[in-house]
Amino acid sequence: MNIFKLMQAMRPYIQSGEMTYDLAVKYLKERGVQFDGLIKQGLDNMFKKGKARDPDFGDTLVKMQIDEQ
């Protein structure tokens, strides 16, 4: 089976809290998936709790020389 389809099928269980990280690793290894860099990064991203991009720029505003012209 395609690894991306496996991970897509796991997503609802991960989001609902029914599947832990260790259980997900075990599930993938049982399916014969080689657990290396790209697969690990994808699984780590599925278990992130925060937003993917939430930069904190602060309240400072710096006028650049190009803005003045």
N, C-alpha and C. Protein backbone atom coordinates (compact mmCIF):
# COMPACT_ATOMS: atom_id res chain seq x y z
N MET A 1 0.85 -1.19 0.00
CA MET A 1 0.00 0.00 0.00
C MET A 1 0.89 1.25 0.00
N ASN A 2 0.39 2.28 -0.59
CA ASN A 2 1.11 3.55 -0.67
C ASN A 2 1.26 4.16 0.73
N ILE A 3 2.46 4.61 1.05
CA ILE A 3 2.74 5.17 2.38
C ILE A 3 1.89 6.41 2.66
N PHE A 4 1.64 7.22 1.64
CA PHE A 4 0.85 8.43 1.85
C PHE A 4 -0.61 8.09 2.16
N LYS A 5 -1.12 7.02 1.56
CA LYS A 5 -2.48 6.59 1.87
C LYS A 5 -2.56 6.04 3.28
N LEU A 6 -1.51 5.33 3.72
CA LEU A 6 -1.47 4.83 5.10
C LEU A 6 -1.50 5.99 6.09
N MET A 7 -0.67 7.00 5.83
CA MET A 7 -0.60 8.14 6.74
C MET A 7 -1.90 8.94 6.72
N GLN A 8 -2.51 9.03 5.55
CA GLN A 8 -3.78 9.74 5.44
C GLN A 8 -4.88 9.00 6.21
N ALA A 9 -4.82 7.68 6.19
CA ALA A 9 -5.81 6.89 6.93
C ALA A 9 -5.61 7.00 8.43
N MET A 10 -4.38 7.24 8.87
CA MET A 10 -4.09 7.38 10.31
C MET A 10 -4.49 8.74 10.86
N ARG A 11 -4.55 9.76 10.02
CA ARG A 11 -4.77 11.13 10.48
C ARG A 11 -6.01 11.32 11.37
N PRO A 12 -7.18 10.77 11.03
CA PRO A 12 -8.34 10.98 11.92
C PRO A 12 -8.13 10.38 13.32
N TYR A 13 -7.46 9.25 13.39
CA TYR A 13 -7.21 8.62 14.68
C TYR A 13 -6.21 9.43 15.51
N ILE A 14 -5.24 10.03 14.83
CA ILE A 14 -4.26 10.86 15.53
C ILE A 14 -4.91 12.13 16.05
N GLN A 15 -5.74 12.76 15.22
CA GLN A 15 -6.39 14.00 15.61
C GLN A 15 -7.39 13.80 16.74
N SER A 16 -8.03 12.64 16.78
CA SER A 16 -8.99 12.37 17.85
C SER A 16 -8.32 11.86 19.12
N GLY A 17 -7.02 11.56 19.05
CA GLY A 17 -6.29 11.09 20.22
C GLY A 17 -6.34 9.60 20.43
N GLU A 18 -6.92 8.86 19.49
CA GLU A 18 -7.02 7.41 19.61
C GLU A 18 -5.69 6.71 19.32
N MET A 19 -4.80 7.37 18.58
CA MET A 19 -3.53 6.75 18.21
C MET A 19 -2.39 7.59 18.76
N THR A 20 -1.49 6.94 19.48
CA THR A 20 -0.31 7.62 20.02
C THR A 20 0.82 7.52 19.00
N TYR A 21 1.89 8.26 19.26
CA TYR A 21 3.05 8.25 18.37
C TYR A 21 3.65 6.85 18.29
N ASP A 22 3.81 6.21 19.44
CA ASP A 22 4.40 4.87 19.45
C ASP A 22 3.53 3.86 18.70
N LEU A 23 2.23 3.97 18.86
CA LEU A 23 1.32 3.07 18.15
C LEU A 23 1.37 3.31 16.65
N ALA A 24 1.53 4.58 16.24
CA ALA A 24 1.63 4.90 14.82
C ALA A 24 2.91 4.31 14.21
N VAL A 25 4.02 4.40 14.96
CA VAL A 25 5.29 3.83 14.49
C VAL A 25 5.15 2.32 14.36
N LYS A 26 4.55 1.69 15.35
CA LYS A 26 4.34 0.24 15.31
C LYS A 26 3.46 -0.15 14.12
N TYR A 27 2.40 0.61 13.89
CA TYR A 27 1.49 0.34 12.78
C TYR A 27 2.22 0.41 11.44
N LEU A 28 3.04 1.44 11.26
CA LEU A 28 3.78 1.58 10.01
C LEU A 28 4.79 0.47 9.82
N LYS A 29 5.48 0.09 10.89
CA LYS A 29 6.47 -0.98 10.79
C LYS A 29 5.82 -2.32 10.50
N GLU A 30 4.63 -2.55 11.05
CA GLU A 30 3.89 -3.79 10.76
C GLU A 30 3.48 -3.87 9.30
N ARG A 31 3.28 -2.72 8.68
CA ARG A 31 2.90 -2.67 7.26
C ARG A 31 4.11 -2.73 6.34
N GLY A 32 5.31 -2.83 6.93
CA GLY A 32 6.53 -2.97 6.13
C GLY A 32 7.12 -1.65 5.67
N VAL A 33 6.76 -0.56 6.31
CA VAL A 33 7.28 0.75 5.94
C VAL A 33 8.64 0.95 6.60
N GLN A 34 9.62 1.36 5.81
CA GLN A 34 10.94 1.67 6.36
C GLN A 34 10.84 3.04 7.02
N PHE A 35 11.03 3.07 8.32
CA PHE A 35 10.85 4.30 9.11
C PHE A 35 12.14 5.09 9.11
N ASP A 36 12.28 6.00 8.13
CA ASP A 36 13.50 6.80 8.02
C ASP A 36 13.15 8.29 8.05
N GLY A 37 14.03 9.12 7.58
CA GLY A 37 13.93 10.58 7.71
C GLY A 37 12.63 11.19 7.24
N LEU A 38 12.24 10.94 5.99
CA LEU A 38 11.06 11.58 5.43
C LEU A 38 9.78 11.09 6.10
N ILE A 39 9.71 9.80 6.37
CA ILE A 39 8.53 9.24 7.01
C ILE A 39 8.43 9.74 8.45
N LYS A 40 9.57 9.80 9.15
CA LYS A 40 9.58 10.30 10.53
C LYS A 40 9.14 11.76 10.58
N GLN A 41 9.61 12.57 9.64
CA GLN A 41 9.23 13.99 9.60
C GLN A 41 7.74 14.14 9.35
N GLY A 42 7.20 13.34 8.44
CA GLY A 42 5.76 13.39 8.17
C GLY A 42 4.94 13.01 9.39
N LEU A 43 5.40 11.97 10.09
CA LEU A 43 4.69 11.54 11.29
C LEU A 43 4.80 12.58 12.40
N ASP A 44 5.98 13.19 12.54
CA ASP A 44 6.16 14.27 13.53
C ASP A 44 5.21 15.43 13.24
N ASN A 45 5.06 15.76 11.96
CA ASN A 45 4.17 16.86 11.58
C ASN A 45 2.71 16.53 11.89
N MET A 46 2.34 15.26 11.77
CA MET A 46 0.96 14.88 12.06
C MET A 46 0.65 15.00 13.55
N PHE A 47 1.67 14.87 14.39
CA PHE A 47 1.47 14.93 15.84
C PHE A 47 1.71 16.33 16.42
N LYS A 48 2.02 17.31 15.60
CA LYS A 48 2.21 18.68 16.09
C LYS A 48 0.88 19.23 16.58
N LYS A 49 0.95 19.98 17.66
CA LYS A 49 -0.27 20.56 18.24
C LYS A 49 -0.48 22.01 17.79
N GLY A 50 0.62 22.74 17.54
CA GLY A 50 0.51 24.15 17.18
C GLY A 50 0.27 24.34 15.69
N LYS A 51 0.07 25.58 15.32
CA LYS A 51 -0.10 25.91 13.91
C LYS A 51 1.24 25.76 13.19
N ALA A 52 1.17 25.47 11.94
CA ALA A 52 2.38 25.27 11.15
C ALA A 52 3.18 26.56 11.05
N ARG A 53 2.51 27.68 10.83
CA ARG A 53 3.21 28.96 10.69
C ARG A 53 2.51 29.99 11.56
N ASP A 54 3.16 30.33 12.64
CA ASP A 54 2.61 31.34 13.54
C ASP A 54 3.75 32.24 14.01
N PRO A 55 4.30 33.04 13.10
CA PRO A 55 5.44 33.87 13.50
C PRO A 55 5.01 35.01 14.42
N ASP A 56 5.88 35.37 15.35
CA ASP A 56 5.63 36.48 16.25
C ASP A 56 6.56 37.62 15.85
N PHE A 57 6.01 38.59 15.16
CA PHE A 57 6.82 39.70 14.66
C PHE A 57 6.92 40.84 15.65
N GLY A 58 6.08 40.87 16.65
CA GLY A 58 6.11 41.94 17.63
C GLY A 58 5.41 43.19 17.11
N ASP A 59 5.53 44.27 17.87
CA ASP A 59 4.84 45.51 17.53
C ASP A 59 5.79 46.56 16.96
N THR A 60 7.01 46.19 16.68
CA THR A 60 7.97 47.18 16.20
C THR A 60 7.84 47.35 14.69
N LEU A 61 8.03 48.57 14.27
CA LEU A 61 7.99 48.90 12.85
C LEU A 61 9.26 49.65 12.52
N VAL A 62 9.99 49.14 11.59
CA VAL A 62 11.25 49.77 11.20
C VAL A 62 11.06 50.31 9.78
N LYS A 63 11.22 51.63 9.65
CA LYS A 63 11.11 52.23 8.32
C LYS A 63 12.42 52.06 7.59
N MET A 64 12.34 51.53 6.42
CA MET A 64 13.52 51.32 5.61
C MET A 64 13.71 52.54 4.71
N GLN A 65 14.89 52.71 4.21
CA GLN A 65 15.20 53.87 3.38
C GLN A 65 14.35 53.85 2.11
N ILE A 66 14.05 52.70 1.60
CA ILE A 66 13.27 52.60 0.38
C ILE A 66 11.82 53.05 0.61
N ASP A 67 11.32 52.94 1.86
CA ASP A 67 9.98 53.37 2.19
C ASP A 67 9.85 54.89 2.15
N GLU A 68 10.92 55.59 2.41
CA GLU A 68 10.91 57.04 2.46
C GLU A 68 10.78 57.67 1.08
N GLN A 69 11.18 56.98 0.05
CA GLN A 69 11.21 57.57 -1.30
C GLN A 69 9.88 57.56 -1.97
